[in-house]
């Protein structure tokens, strides 16, 4: 969806739309936080940190999951 078709009107916005949907779903279900698990790479940690998520590390100093507390 990000790149195909080339003239896709929401190209480059998929992550923001997905995070908005996750936030809305969490609020509807009255959960205080969103967890993202099974990260693909360290680059994803930085990407989600820019969007308000906090990394939580395991005993091996690897990011176990990302957490965002909702207001």
Protein backbone atom coordinates (compact mmCIF):
# COMPACT_ATOMS: atom_id res chain seq x y z
CA UNK A 1 0.00 0.00 0.00
CA UNK A 2 2.87 2.40 0.63
CA UNK A 3 4.25 2.35 -2.90
CA UNK A 4 1.68 0.74 -5.20
CA UNK A 5 0.10 2.18 -7.18
CA UNK A 6 2.53 5.05 -7.65
CA UNK A 7 -0.20 7.69 -7.45
CA UNK A 8 -1.74 6.25 -4.29
CA UNK A 9 -3.27 9.23 -2.41
CA UNK A 10 -2.27 7.82 0.99
CA UNK A 11 1.26 6.84 0.00
CA UNK A 12 3.65 7.52 2.87
CA UNK A 13 0.82 7.78 5.42
CA UNK A 14 0.11 4.11 6.17
CA UNK A 15 2.06 4.02 9.44
CA UNK A 16 0.28 7.12 10.75
CA UNK A 17 -3.12 5.73 9.74
CA UNK A 18 -2.35 2.38 11.38
CA UNK A 19 -1.18 4.02 14.61
CA UNK A 20 -4.27 6.24 14.64
CA UNK A 21 -6.48 3.15 14.28
CA UNK A 22 -4.58 1.36 17.07
CA UNK A 23 -4.97 4.41 19.33
CA UNK A 24 -8.69 4.64 18.62
CA UNK A 25 -9.19 0.89 19.16
CA UNK A 26 -7.35 1.08 22.49
CA UNK A 27 -9.45 4.05 23.63
CA UNK A 28 -12.69 2.32 22.66
CA UNK A 29 -11.63 -0.68 24.74
CA UNK A 30 -10.48 1.61 27.57
CA UNK A 31 -6.97 0.21 27.69
CA UNK A 32 -4.33 2.58 29.08
CA UNK A 33 -1.52 1.64 26.71
CA UNK A 34 -0.50 0.19 23.34
CA UNK A 35 2.21 -2.46 23.10
CA UNK A 36 4.14 -3.26 19.94
CA UNK A 37 5.90 -6.62 20.06
CA UNK A 38 8.11 -8.69 17.74
CA UNK A 39 10.08 -5.84 16.24
CA UNK A 40 11.78 -6.45 12.92
CA UNK A 41 14.88 -4.30 13.35
CA UNK A 42 16.46 -1.57 15.50
CA UNK A 43 15.43 0.93 12.82
CA UNK A 44 11.81 0.28 13.77
CA UNK A 45 12.59 1.15 17.39
CA UNK A 46 13.76 4.62 16.36
CA UNK A 47 10.79 5.06 14.02
CA UNK A 48 8.26 4.29 16.75
CA UNK A 49 10.15 6.35 19.34
CA UNK A 50 9.57 9.35 17.07
CA UNK A 51 5.85 8.64 17.36
CA UNK A 52 5.74 8.54 21.17
CA UNK A 53 6.54 4.90 21.97
CA UNK A 54 9.08 3.96 24.66
CA UNK A 55 11.35 0.95 24.18
CA UNK A 56 11.56 -1.67 26.93
CA UNK A 57 14.67 -3.82 26.95
CA UNK A 58 15.18 -7.42 28.03
CA UNK A 59 18.11 -8.82 30.03
CA UNK A 60 20.13 -9.14 26.80
CA UNK A 61 19.77 -5.38 26.19
CA UNK A 62 17.54 -5.96 23.16
CA UNK A 63 14.25 -4.18 22.69
CA UNK A 64 11.58 -6.61 23.88
CA UNK A 65 8.62 -4.37 23.04
CA UNK A 66 7.54 -0.77 22.61
CA UNK A 67 4.97 0.87 24.83
CA UNK A 68 2.84 3.98 24.45
CA UNK A 69 0.72 5.18 27.35
CA UNK A 70 -2.52 6.81 26.28
CA UNK A 71 -3.85 10.04 27.74
